[in-house]
Amino acid sequence: MAKISPYESGELTDSIFLILLATLTPAHGYKIMQDVQTMTKKIVEIGPATMYTTLKKLNQAGWISEISEDDSKILYVITASGKKILEDNYEYRKSIVQIAEKQIGGIV
């Protein structure tokens, strides 16, 4: 059985989740890569090919939009539907962490 795309299921990969976080304020692709590295203290590093492929798919899904800038760089910013997906995934991830804390707390 084929795996369902996160763009169809709404279940975001870590990279997509972090890229959406980085687009809460308008930013160009290279800055998004830097922001993800900074947010994660370099635990997650997204290369240019993955970054721009993901940005294209996020745009096609309607979760981000492109904004042109004077120096011909494209800025990306999260849309209302992207923010909703991000918030839903945040709540899901938070509940998973709470479950883990209860389980681990019993063995530590």
C-alpha atoms as a PDB file:
ATOM      1  CA  MET A   1       0.000   0.000   0.000  1.00  0.00           C
ATOM      2  CA  ALA A   2       1.346   3.423  -0.950  1.00  0.00           C
ATOM      3  CA  LYS A   3       2.214   5.804   1.845  1.00  0.00           C
ATOM      4  CA  ILE A   4      -0.058   8.855   2.019  1.00  0.00           C
ATOM      5  CA  SER A   5       1.666  12.192   1.468  1.00  0.00           C
ATOM      6  CA  PRO A   6       1.776  14.575   4.442  1.00  0.00           C
ATOM      7  CA  TYR A   7       0.208  17.137   2.109  1.00  0.00           C
ATOM      8  CA  GLU A   8      -2.818  14.829   1.836  1.00  0.00           C
ATOM      9  CA  SER A   9      -2.942  13.459   5.384  1.00  0.00           C
ATOM     10  CA  GLY A  10      -1.964  16.617   7.254  1.00  0.00           C
ATOM     11  CA  GLU A  11       0.505  14.574   9.347  1.00  0.00           C
ATOM     12  CA  LEU A  12       3.610  16.711   9.009  1.00  0.00           C
ATOM     13  CA  THR A  13       7.167  15.473   8.936  1.00  0.00           C
ATOM     14  CA  ASP A  14       9.573  17.222  11.290  1.00  0.00           C
ATOM     15  CA  SER A  15      11.080  19.148   8.375  1.00  0.00           C
ATOM     16  CA  ILE A  16       7.711  20.396   7.128  1.00  0.00           C
ATOM     17  CA  PHE A  17       6.694  21.334  10.677  1.00  0.00           C
ATOM     18  CA  LEU A  18       9.888  23.348  11.171  1.00  0.00           C
ATOM     19  CA  ILE A  19       9.662  25.032   7.756  1.00  0.00           C
ATOM     20  CA  LEU A  20       6.095  26.124   8.528  1.00  0.00           C
ATOM     21  CA  LEU A  21       7.294  27.498  11.875  1.00  0.00           C
ATOM     22  CA  ALA A  22       9.999  29.452  10.050  1.00  0.00           C
ATOM     23  CA  THR A  23       7.426  30.988   7.698  1.00  0.00           C
ATOM     24  CA  LEU A  24       5.363  32.559  10.483  1.00  0.00           C
ATOM     25  CA  THR A  25       7.251  35.670   9.403  1.00  0.00           C
ATOM     26  CA  PRO A  26       8.080  36.197   5.702  1.00  0.00           C
ATOM     27  CA  ALA A  27      11.494  34.793   4.767  1.00  0.00           C
ATOM     28  CA  HIS A  28      13.403  33.635   1.698  1.00  0.00           C
ATOM     29  CA  GLY A  29      14.515  30.021   1.301  1.00  0.00           C
ATOM     30  CA  TYR A  30      18.080  30.441   2.536  1.00  0.00           C
ATOM     31  CA  LYS A  31      16.900  32.293   5.655  1.00  0.00           C
ATOM     32  CA  ILE A  32      14.367  29.533   6.332  1.00  0.00           C
ATOM     33  CA  MET A  33      17.216  26.977   6.190  1.00  0.00           C
ATOM     34  CA  GLN A  34      19.219  29.096   8.637  1.00  0.00           C
ATOM     35  CA  ASP A  35      16.218  29.601  10.924  1.00  0.00           C
ATOM     36  CA  VAL A  36      15.565  25.851  11.091  1.00  0.00           C
ATOM     37  CA  GLN A  37      19.208  25.247  12.017  1.00  0.00           C
ATOM     38  CA  THR A  38      19.040  27.971  14.670  1.00  0.00           C
ATOM     39  CA  MET A  39      15.713  26.759  16.130  1.00  0.00           C
ATOM     40  CA  THR A  40      17.015  23.198  16.408  1.00  0.00           C
ATOM     41  CA  LYS A  41      20.588  24.074  17.417  1.00  0.00           C
ATOM     42  CA  LYS A  42      21.716  22.353  14.177  1.00  0.00           C
ATOM     43  CA  ILE A  43      19.992  19.078  15.068  1.00  0.00           C
ATOM     44  CA  VAL A  44      17.976  19.494  11.859  1.00  0.00           C
ATOM     45  CA  GLU A  45      19.668  20.786   8.739  1.00  0.00           C
ATOM     46  CA  ILE A  46      17.694  21.003   5.518  1.00  0.00           C
ATOM     47  CA  GLY A  47      19.643  21.153   2.264  1.00  0.00           C
ATOM     48  CA  PRO A  48      18.722  23.448  -0.637  1.00  0.00           C
ATOM     49  CA  ALA A  49      17.186  20.747  -2.852  1.00  0.00           C
ATOM     50  CA  THR A  50      14.932  19.482  -0.064  1.00  0.00           C
ATOM     51  CA  MET A  51      14.102  23.044   1.021  1.00  0.00           C
ATOM     52  CA  TYR A  52      12.972  24.296  -2.377  1.00  0.00           C
ATOM     53  CA  THR A  53      11.103  21.075  -3.219  1.00  0.00           C
ATOM     54  CA  THR A  54       9.272  21.317   0.101  1.00  0.00           C
ATOM     55  CA  LEU A  55       8.519  25.025  -0.376  1.00  0.00           C
ATOM     56  CA  LYS A  56       7.052  24.261  -3.801  1.00  0.00           C
ATOM     57  CA  LYS A  57       4.838  21.503  -2.359  1.00  0.00           C
ATOM     58  CA  LEU A  58       3.772  23.673   0.599  1.00  0.00           C
ATOM     59  CA  ASN A  59       2.807  26.399  -1.862  1.00  0.00           C
ATOM     60  CA  GLN A  60       0.856  23.934  -4.013  1.00  0.00           C
ATOM     61  CA  ALA A  61      -0.948  22.681  -0.890  1.00  0.00           C
ATOM     62  CA  GLY A  62      -1.916  26.263  -0.065  1.00  0.00           C
ATOM     63  CA  TRP A  63      -0.064  26.212   3.259  1.00  0.00           C
ATOM     64  CA  ILE A  64       2.379  28.981   2.306  1.00  0.00           C
ATOM     65  CA  SER A  65       2.328  31.744  -0.269  1.00  0.00           C
ATOM     66  CA  GLU A  66       5.072  33.474  -2.216  1.00  0.00           C
ATOM     67  CA  ILE A  67       5.722  37.188  -1.917  1.00  0.00           C
ATOM     68  CA  SER A  68       8.048  38.937  -4.387  1.00  0.00           C
ATOM     69  CA  GLU A  69      10.723  41.262  -3.101  1.00  0.00           C
ATOM     70  CA  ASP A  70      12.533  44.120  -4.892  1.00  0.00           C
ATOM     71  CA  ASP A  71      15.884  42.323  -5.174  1.00  0.00           C
ATOM     72  CA  SER A  72      14.127  39.407  -6.946  1.00  0.00           C
ATOM     73  CA  LYS A  73      14.220  37.074  -3.937  1.00  0.00           C
ATOM     74  CA  ILE A  74      11.015  35.240  -3.202  1.00  0.00           C
ATOM     75  CA  LEU A  75       9.697  35.490   0.336  1.00  0.00           C
ATOM     76  CA  TYR A  76       7.515  32.736   1.723  1.00  0.00           C
ATOM     77  CA  VAL A  77       4.859  33.226   4.395  1.00  0.00           C
ATOM     78  CA  ILE A  78       2.428  30.826   6.039  1.00  0.00           C
ATOM     79  CA  THR A  79      -1.254  31.062   5.043  1.00  0.00           C
ATOM     80  CA  ALA A  80      -4.300  30.688   7.287  1.00  0.00           C
ATOM     81  CA  SER A  81      -4.697  27.034   6.251  1.00  0.00           C
ATOM     82  CA  GLY A  82      -0.981  26.439   6.852  1.00  0.00           C
ATOM     83  CA  LYS A  83      -1.289  27.957  10.301  1.00  0.00           C
ATOM     84  CA  LYS A  84      -4.246  25.667  11.068  1.00  0.00           C
ATOM     85  CA  ILE A  85      -2.260  22.573   9.988  1.00  0.00           C
ATOM     86  CA  LEU A  86       0.726  23.772  12.050  1.00  0.00           C
ATOM     87  CA  GLU A  87      -1.436  24.351  15.143  1.00  0.00           C
ATOM     88  CA  ASP A  88      -3.136  20.937  14.770  1.00  0.00           C
ATOM     89  CA  ASN A  89       0.255  19.229  14.464  1.00  0.00           C
ATOM     90  CA  TYR A  90       1.590  21.175  17.436  1.00  0.00           C
ATOM     91  CA  GLU A  91      -1.292  19.933  19.605  1.00  0.00           C
ATOM     92  CA  TYR A  92      -0.752  16.355  18.391  1.00  0.00           C
ATOM     93  CA  ARG A  93       2.999  16.504  19.083  1.00  0.00           C
ATOM     94  CA  LYS A  94       2.372  18.034  22.499  1.00  0.00           C
ATOM     95  CA  SER A  95       0.035  15.162  23.430  1.00  0.00           C
ATOM     96  CA  ILE A  96       2.640  12.602  22.323  1.00  0.00           C
ATOM     97  CA  VAL A  97       5.281  14.301  24.490  1.00  0.00           C
ATOM     98  CA  GLN A  98       2.880  14.280  27.465  1.00  0.00           C
ATOM     99  CA  ILE A  99       2.337  10.536  27.026  1.00  0.00           C
ATOM    100  CA  ALA A 100       6.101   9.985  26.819  1.00  0.00           C
ATOM    101  CA  GLU A 101       6.709  12.093  29.931  1.00  0.00           C
ATOM    102  CA  LYS A 102       4.223   9.975  31.900  1.00  0.00           C
ATOM    103  CA  GLN A 103       5.785   6.743  30.694  1.00  0.00           C
ATOM    104  CA  ILE A 104       9.395   7.813  31.123  1.00  0.00           C
ATOM    105  CA  GLY A 105       8.651   9.497  34.441  1.00  0.00           C
ATOM    106  CA  GLY A 106       7.673   6.101  35.795  1.00  0.00           C
ATOM    107  CA  ILE A 107      11.022   4.528  34.894  1.00  0.00           C
ATOM    108  CA  VAL A 108      13.473   7.336  35.594  1.00  0.00           C
END
